[in-house]
Amino acid sequence: MSQSRRSLAAAFGAMFLMASMSLTACSGGDQSAPGSDSGDSKAPAASSDGSYDVSDATITFIPKQLNNPFSDVTLSGGTKAAKELGFSDHQTVGPLEASSSSQVSFINAEVQAGTNVIAIAANDPDAVCPALKEARDAGAKVVTFDSDAAKECRDVFINQVESKQVALTMLEMVSEQIGGKGNVAILSATANATNQNTWIKYMEEEIASNDKYKDITIVAKVYGDDDDTKSFQEAQGLLQSNPDLDAIVSPTTVGIAATARYLSTSEYKGKVMLTGLGLPNEMRSFVEDGTVKEFALWDPAQLGYVAAYAGAALQSGAITGAVGDTFTAGELGERTVEEGGIVVVGDPVRFNKDNINNYDF
């Protein structure tokens, strides 16, 4: 896809992209505005060191929503990899809110533009599927990351860690913090987010099957839609409607930060535990003031980084996405396509007062 053709085609999708253009201009960092941030470096042709010839190919990242701190870090890794790989053009587009169908218009615009690789974190596995199928029918390679789409709609899914390991890590942390027994509530992102629901399901299954957690009860599940204000309000509502609550688990960076902010100035500080998945830079002050003892995450930048390399490997024909396919993800080394077309990035890290200052993201 030539740059001129891409620019012409992009006009058809302009009305879908205006919102993200204005938003991205305010976001800072490496995230690029739709249609305005082009990769200008060229990579060498494919070679034995794992580089892929994508010098004539384009890649677009579509996060769940723009201006989400987790997405910003993830996209910084994707942008870094896109430049290393030498895509002829790379950009980021996306909705302002993480609703189920909010990404569809952006996918359609990329189909019109003839984008070669679409890397997307799906807000809803089914809502984006028809548009992604059209993209694949048009020749695009589709890489999902962070939150998967229906399997038949993408080539590979880049999963930050084994989903069950994420769930077990969160369950172990909350169990340790409440002495192995108590009432726990979940404050999740959106009700249809594949990754969130998978982690919650594994937690529930482990509680039901493992005697170690038999005295833990999940008493409520609420959704903050990865919106700071709504997450803050949901946390407030949980504590008011569940006076015997012992802990909140929030498997979303927006949710855990909003909940920590509420807890830190409330009567519940030090009484109701909070854990889940968070960004060290957002959670540092709450760990230092005792609101939060421990939480976990992986390096989100690696997620975007591997997604871009997977897209390059697919686009160059080095892999097809079949189980057992391997590709080199730059400085992170070799990755393998596992059952279900899943590529795992790494293991979660637990952050607490002893190590949080060793991380800066």
Protein backbone atom coordinates (compact mmCIF):
# COMPACT_ATOMS: atom_id res chain seq x y z
CA MET A 1 0.00 0.00 0.00
CA SER A 2 1.57 3.24 -1.12
CA GLN A 3 1.46 6.29 1.05
CA SER A 4 -0.49 8.24 -1.58
CA ARG A 5 -3.18 5.58 -1.86
CA ARG A 6 -3.35 5.40 1.93
CA SER A 7 -3.82 9.12 2.17
CA LEU A 8 -6.60 9.15 -0.41
CA ALA A 9 -8.40 6.25 1.17
CA ALA A 10 -8.10 7.79 4.57
CA ALA A 11 -10.35 10.59 3.41
CA PHE A 12 -13.26 8.16 3.36
CA GLY A 13 -12.72 7.47 7.01
CA ALA A 14 -12.02 11.02 8.06
CA MET A 15 -15.30 11.51 9.84
CA PHE A 16 -14.55 8.51 12.00
CA LEU A 17 -11.12 9.73 12.86
CA MET A 18 -11.68 13.35 13.80
CA ALA A 19 -12.42 12.58 17.42
CA SER A 20 -9.25 10.63 17.91
CA MET A 21 -7.18 13.27 16.11
CA SER A 22 -8.15 15.96 18.56
CA LEU A 23 -7.82 13.68 21.55
CA THR A 24 -4.44 12.33 20.62
CA ALA A 25 -3.11 15.83 20.21
CA CYS A 26 -3.67 16.28 23.93
CA SER A 27 -2.34 12.94 25.07
CA GLY A 28 1.38 13.36 24.66
CA GLY A 29 3.82 10.46 24.63
CA ASP A 30 4.46 8.32 21.60
CA GLN A 31 0.83 7.83 20.71
CA SER A 32 0.16 9.24 17.26
CA ALA A 33 -2.75 11.13 15.85
CA PRO A 34 -4.76 9.39 13.15
CA GLY A 35 -3.44 10.11 9.76
CA SER A 36 -0.81 12.49 11.05
CA ASP A 37 1.96 10.36 12.54
CA SER A 38 3.81 8.39 9.94
CA GLY A 39 6.76 6.11 10.52
CA ASP A 40 9.55 7.35 8.35
CA SER A 41 12.28 4.84 8.98
CA LYS A 42 13.06 1.92 6.68
CA ALA A 43 14.06 -1.51 7.85
CA PRO A 44 16.31 -3.95 6.12
CA ALA A 45 14.76 -6.85 4.26
CA ALA A 46 14.01 -10.07 6.11
CA SER A 47 17.10 -11.70 7.48
CA SER A 48 18.20 -14.48 9.76
CA ASP A 49 18.24 -12.18 12.79
CA GLY A 50 14.45 -12.04 12.87
CA SER A 51 13.78 -8.80 11.01
CA TYR A 52 10.89 -8.76 8.58
CA ASP A 53 10.46 -6.92 5.30
CA VAL A 54 7.50 -4.63 5.91
CA SER A 55 8.94 -1.58 4.19
CA ASP A 56 5.88 -1.37 1.93
CA ALA A 57 3.35 -2.24 4.64
CA THR A 58 1.30 -0.17 7.05
CA ILE A 59 0.18 -0.93 10.59
CA THR A 60 -2.56 0.69 12.66
CA PHE A 61 -3.11 0.24 16.39
CA ILE A 62 -6.66 0.45 17.75
CA PRO A 63 -6.71 0.41 21.58
CA LYS A 64 -9.86 0.01 23.66
CA GLN A 65 -9.90 3.75 24.12
CA LEU A 66 -7.54 6.67 23.76
CA ASN A 67 -6.11 8.56 26.72
CA ASN A 68 -6.14 5.43 28.85
CA PRO A 69 -2.82 5.27 30.76
CA PHE A 70 -2.50 1.52 30.25
CA SER A 71 -3.16 1.91 26.52
CA ASP A 72 -0.65 4.74 26.30
CA VAL A 73 2.12 2.53 27.68
CA THR A 74 1.08 -0.40 25.50
CA LEU A 75 1.04 1.76 22.40
CA SER A 76 4.46 3.18 23.17
CA GLY A 77 5.81 -0.35 22.84
CA GLY A 78 3.93 -0.88 19.60
CA THR A 79 5.24 2.37 18.16
CA LYS A 80 8.79 1.48 19.13
CA ALA A 81 8.51 -1.88 17.39
CA ALA A 82 6.86 -0.40 14.29
CA LYS A 83 9.82 1.95 13.91
CA GLU A 84 12.34 -0.84 14.48
CA LEU A 85 10.61 -3.00 11.92
CA GLY A 86 10.43 -0.24 9.33
CA PHE A 87 6.74 -0.22 8.50
CA SER A 88 6.14 2.39 5.80
CA ASP A 89 3.50 3.97 8.00
CA HIS A 90 2.19 3.44 11.50
CA GLN A 91 -0.57 5.18 13.36
CA THR A 92 -2.97 4.94 16.26
CA VAL A 93 -6.70 5.54 16.05
CA GLY A 94 -9.47 4.72 18.46
CA PRO A 95 -12.61 5.71 20.34
CA LEU A 96 -12.84 8.06 23.25
CA GLU A 97 -14.82 5.56 25.30
CA ALA A 98 -14.56 1.80 25.66
CA SER A 99 -18.07 0.87 24.57
CA SER A 100 -18.86 -2.36 22.75
CA SER A 101 -19.22 -1.09 19.18
CA SER A 102 -17.12 2.07 19.40
CA GLN A 103 -14.20 0.54 17.47
CA VAL A 104 -16.17 -0.63 14.44
CA SER A 105 -16.07 2.65 12.51
CA PHE A 106 -12.30 2.83 12.98
CA ILE A 107 -11.82 -0.69 11.63
CA ASN A 108 -13.98 0.15 8.63
CA ALA A 109 -11.88 3.23 7.97
CA GLU A 110 -8.70 1.12 8.00
CA VAL A 111 -10.26 -1.31 5.50
CA GLN A 112 -10.99 1.66 3.23
CA ALA A 113 -7.42 2.85 3.67
CA GLY A 114 -6.01 -0.56 2.77
CA THR A 115 -4.07 -0.94 5.99
CA ASN A 116 -1.95 -4.09 5.94
CA VAL A 117 -1.83 -4.89 9.67
CA ILE A 118 -4.52 -4.01 12.21
CA ALA A 119 -3.52 -4.49 15.86
CA ILE A 120 -6.55 -4.11 18.09
CA ALA A 121 -7.52 -4.54 21.77
CA ALA A 122 -11.18 -5.46 21.43
CA ASN A 123 -13.77 -3.91 23.69
CA ASP A 124 -16.22 -6.64 22.73
CA PRO A 125 -15.17 -9.94 21.11
CA ASP A 126 -18.25 -10.15 18.90
CA ALA A 127 -19.06 -6.53 18.13
CA VAL A 128 -15.81 -6.02 16.20
CA CYS A 129 -15.88 -9.41 14.49
CA PRO A 130 -17.78 -8.58 11.26
CA ALA A 131 -15.58 -5.55 10.58
CA LEU A 132 -12.40 -7.54 11.28
CA LYS A 133 -13.59 -10.28 8.94
CA GLU A 134 -14.00 -7.69 6.21
CA ALA A 135 -10.49 -6.47 6.92
CA ARG A 136 -9.07 -9.97 6.61
CA ASP A 137 -11.08 -10.59 3.43
CA ALA A 138 -9.47 -7.44 2.06
CA GLY A 139 -6.02 -8.87 2.82
CA ALA A 140 -5.20 -7.32 6.17
CA LYS A 141 -3.53 -9.27 8.95
CA VAL A 142 -5.35 -8.87 12.25
CA VAL A 143 -3.49 -9.10 15.55
CA THR A 144 -5.47 -8.73 18.77
CA PHE A 145 -3.69 -7.75 21.97
CA ASP A 146 -4.70 -7.24 25.61
CA SER A 147 -8.35 -8.23 24.97
CA ASP A 148 -9.20 -10.76 22.30
CA ALA A 149 -11.81 -10.76 19.54
CA ALA A 150 -13.63 -13.91 18.52
CA LYS A 151 -10.99 -16.34 17.30
CA GLU A 152 -12.34 -16.58 13.77
CA CYS A 153 -11.88 -12.84 13.32
CA ARG A 154 -8.15 -12.52 13.91
CA ASP A 155 -4.87 -14.21 13.00
CA VAL A 156 -3.23 -14.28 16.44
CA PHE A 157 -3.92 -12.95 19.93
CA ILE A 158 -1.06 -11.47 21.95
CA ASN A 159 -1.85 -12.28 25.56
CA GLN A 160 0.14 -10.49 28.23
CA VAL A 161 0.37 -13.59 30.40
CA GLU A 162 -1.44 -16.86 30.78
CA SER A 163 -4.96 -15.80 31.70
CA LYS A 164 -5.24 -18.31 34.51
CA GLN A 165 -1.95 -17.13 35.99
CA VAL A 166 -3.30 -13.56 36.13
CA ALA A 167 -6.37 -14.79 38.00
CA LEU A 168 -4.36 -16.93 40.40
CA THR A 169 -1.97 -14.09 41.13
CA MET A 170 -4.81 -11.72 42.01
CA LEU A 171 -6.54 -14.37 44.12
CA GLU A 172 -3.35 -15.19 45.97
CA MET A 173 -2.67 -11.51 46.70
CA VAL A 174 -6.14 -10.82 48.07
CA SER A 175 -6.10 -14.03 50.11
CA GLU A 176 -2.80 -13.05 51.70
CA GLN A 177 -4.09 -9.58 52.52
CA ILE A 178 -7.34 -10.72 54.21
CA GLY A 179 -5.92 -13.73 56.01
CA GLY A 180 -7.48 -16.30 53.72
CA LYS A 181 -11.10 -15.50 54.46
CA GLY A 182 -13.62 -12.76 53.87
CA ASN A 183 -15.98 -11.00 51.48
CA VAL A 184 -14.49 -9.75 48.25
CA ALA A 185 -15.95 -7.54 45.51
CA ILE A 186 -14.78 -7.20 41.93
CA LEU A 187 -14.57 -3.81 40.24
CA SER A 188 -13.99 -4.62 36.58
CA ALA A 189 -13.79 -2.62 33.35
CA THR A 190 -16.60 -3.24 30.85
CA ALA A 191 -19.08 -6.08 31.19
CA ASN A 192 -18.06 -7.53 27.81
CA ALA A 193 -14.27 -7.25 28.09
CA THR A 194 -12.92 -10.70 27.22
CA ASN A 195 -9.81 -10.53 29.36
CA GLN A 196 -11.57 -9.20 32.45
CA ASN A 197 -14.31 -11.83 32.27
CA THR A 198 -11.80 -14.62 31.72
CA TRP A 199 -9.77 -13.61 34.79
CA ILE A 200 -12.90 -13.34 36.93
CA LYS A 201 -14.11 -16.74 35.74
CA TYR A 202 -10.79 -18.37 36.66
CA MET A 203 -10.89 -16.72 40.10
CA GLU A 204 -14.38 -18.03 40.72
CA GLU A 205 -13.42 -21.51 39.56
CA GLU A 206 -10.35 -21.57 41.80
CA ILE A 207 -12.36 -20.43 44.83
CA ALA A 208 -14.88 -23.19 44.15
CA SER A 209 -12.31 -25.94 43.66
CA ASN A 210 -9.37 -25.10 45.93
CA ASP A 211 -9.81 -25.55 49.70
CA LYS A 212 -7.17 -22.88 50.23
CA TYR A 213 -9.76 -20.31 49.16
CA LYS A 214 -12.95 -21.93 50.50
CA ASP A 215 -13.52 -19.13 53.01
CA ILE A 216 -13.41 -16.38 50.39
CA THR A 217 -16.74 -15.21 48.95
CA ILE A 218 -17.19 -12.92 45.98
CA VAL A 219 -20.19 -10.86 47.04
CA ALA A 220 -20.47 -8.38 44.15
CA LYS A 221 -19.21 -7.57 40.67
CA VAL A 222 -19.50 -4.05 39.28
CA TYR A 223 -18.19 -2.33 36.16
CA GLY A 224 -16.55 1.07 35.90
CA ASP A 225 -16.22 0.90 32.09
CA ASP A 226 -12.59 1.98 32.40
CA ASP A 227 -13.87 5.46 33.16
CA ASP A 228 -12.19 7.12 36.12
CA THR A 229 -15.27 8.91 37.44
CA LYS A 230 -17.58 5.93 37.07
CA SER A 231 -15.00 3.60 38.63
CA PHE A 232 -14.62 5.98 41.58
CA GLN A 233 -18.40 6.04 42.04
CA GLU A 234 -18.69 2.26 41.75
CA ALA A 235 -16.04 1.83 44.43
CA GLN A 236 -17.91 4.23 46.67
CA GLY A 237 -21.15 2.33 46.03
CA LEU A 238 -19.56 -1.03 46.77
CA LEU A 239 -18.36 0.08 50.18
CA GLN A 240 -21.65 1.71 51.10
CA SER A 241 -23.78 -1.28 50.04
CA ASN A 242 -21.47 -3.95 51.48
CA PRO A 243 -20.61 -2.96 55.07
CA ASP A 244 -18.89 -6.31 55.67
CA LEU A 245 -16.62 -6.03 52.67
CA ASP A 246 -13.02 -7.09 53.32
CA ALA A 247 -11.41 -6.41 49.97
CA ILE A 248 -11.86 -5.15 46.43
CA VAL A 249 -10.09 -6.75 43.49
CA SER A 250 -9.91 -4.51 40.44
CA PRO A 251 -8.34 -6.20 37.41
CA THR A 252 -8.14 -2.93 35.50
CA THR A 253 -5.61 -0.11 35.82
CA VAL A 254 -8.29 2.58 35.65
CA GLY A 255 -10.46 0.84 38.23
CA ILE A 256 -7.74 0.14 40.79
CA ALA A 257 -6.38 3.70 40.62
CA ALA A 258 -9.83 5.24 41.03
CA THR A 259 -10.65 2.89 43.90
CA ALA A 260 -7.34 3.63 45.62
CA ARG A 261 -8.01 7.34 45.35
CA TYR A 262 -11.37 6.92 47.07
CA LEU A 263 -10.05 4.58 49.75
CA SER A 264 -7.06 6.79 50.55
CA THR A 265 -9.25 9.56 51.95
CA SER A 266 -12.09 7.46 53.33
CA GLU A 267 -12.80 5.74 56.62
CA TYR A 268 -12.11 2.42 54.87
CA LYS A 269 -8.39 3.05 54.39
CA GLY A 270 -6.45 0.23 56.02
CA LYS A 271 -9.66 -1.67 56.74
CA VAL A 272 -10.70 -2.73 53.24
CA MET A 273 -7.88 -4.19 51.18
CA LEU A 274 -7.42 -3.31 47.53
CA THR A 275 -5.47 -5.27 44.95
CA GLY A 276 -5.62 -6.12 41.26
CA LEU A 277 -3.80 -4.86 38.20
CA GLY A 278 -2.28 -1.39 38.17
CA LEU A 279 0.46 0.82 36.79
CA PRO A 280 3.35 1.42 39.21
CA ASN A 281 3.52 5.13 38.46
CA GLU A 282 -0.20 5.57 39.20
CA MET A 283 -0.19 3.37 42.30
CA ARG A 284 3.10 4.41 43.90
CA SER A 285 1.64 7.06 46.22
CA PHE A 286 -1.09 4.67 47.41
CA VAL A 287 1.47 1.98 48.22
CA GLU A 288 3.63 4.48 50.07
CA ASP A 289 0.71 5.84 52.15
CA GLY A 290 -0.53 2.33 53.04
CA THR A 291 -3.78 2.37 51.05
CA VAL A 292 -2.55 -0.54 48.92
CA LYS A 293 -0.20 -3.30 50.04
CA GLU A 294 0.40 -5.11 46.77
CA PHE A 295 -0.87 -5.31 43.21
CA ALA A 296 0.40 -6.82 39.98
CA LEU A 297 0.88 -6.22 36.28
CA TRP A 298 3.15 -7.06 33.40
CA ASP A 299 5.05 -4.54 31.31
CA PRO A 300 2.31 -3.17 29.01
CA ALA A 301 4.88 -1.83 26.56
CA GLN A 302 5.99 -5.39 25.84
CA LEU A 303 2.42 -6.24 24.88
CA GLY A 304 2.32 -3.65 22.11
CA TYR A 305 5.89 -4.47 21.12
CA VAL A 306 5.16 -8.16 20.55
CA ALA A 307 1.89 -7.31 18.76
CA ALA A 308 3.76 -5.24 16.19
CA TYR A 309 6.36 -7.96 15.62
CA ALA A 310 3.63 -10.59 15.25
CA GLY A 311 1.95 -8.35 12.67
CA ALA A 312 5.21 -8.01 10.76
CA ALA A 313 5.81 -11.76 10.84
CA LEU A 314 2.32 -12.38 9.49
CA GLN A 315 2.52 -9.66 6.85
CA SER A 316 5.90 -10.82 5.57
CA GLY A 317 4.74 -14.43 5.37
CA ALA A 318 7.18 -15.67 8.01
CA ILE A 319 4.25 -17.17 9.94
CA THR A 320 0.60 -17.93 9.23
CA GLY A 321 -0.60 -17.97 12.82
CA ALA A 322 -0.69 -21.76 12.96
CA VAL A 323 0.00 -23.49 16.27
CA GLY A 324 3.74 -24.03 16.61
CA ASP A 325 4.74 -21.09 14.42
CA THR A 326 7.63 -19.12 15.90
CA PHE A 327 8.84 -15.60 15.28
CA THR A 328 11.41 -13.27 16.76
CA ALA A 329 9.97 -10.33 18.70
CA GLY A 330 12.99 -8.06 18.50
CA GLU A 331 14.81 -7.59 21.80
CA LEU A 332 12.31 -9.85 23.59
CA GLY A 333 13.38 -12.88 21.60
CA GLU A 334 11.47 -15.79 20.16
CA ARG A 335 7.76 -16.28 20.72
CA THR A 336 5.60 -19.28 19.78
CA VAL A 337 2.00 -19.41 18.59
CA GLU A 338 0.20 -21.65 21.06
CA GLU A 339 -3.13 -23.42 21.02
CA GLY A 340 -5.95 -21.11 20.03
CA GLY A 341 -3.60 -18.84 18.10
CA ILE A 342 -2.33 -17.28 21.33
CA VAL A 343 1.12 -15.79 21.87
CA VAL A 344 2.09 -15.20 25.52
CA VAL A 345 4.35 -12.26 26.37
CA GLY A 346 5.55 -13.04 29.91
CA ASP A 347 4.75 -13.45 33.61
CA PRO A 348 3.03 -10.94 35.92
CA VAL A 349 5.08 -8.93 38.42
CA ARG A 350 3.85 -8.18 41.96
CA PHE A 351 4.51 -4.61 43.10
CA ASN A 352 4.78 -3.55 46.75
CA LYS A 353 6.70 -1.04 48.86
CA ASP A 354 9.86 -3.12 48.57
CA ASN A 355 10.14 -2.95 44.78
CA ILE A 356 7.76 -0.37 43.31
CA ASN A 357 10.47 2.26 43.00
CA ASN A 358 12.37 -0.05 40.69
CA TYR A 359 9.72 0.47 37.98
CA ASP A 360 8.88 3.52 35.91
CA PHE A 361 5.78 3.07 33.78
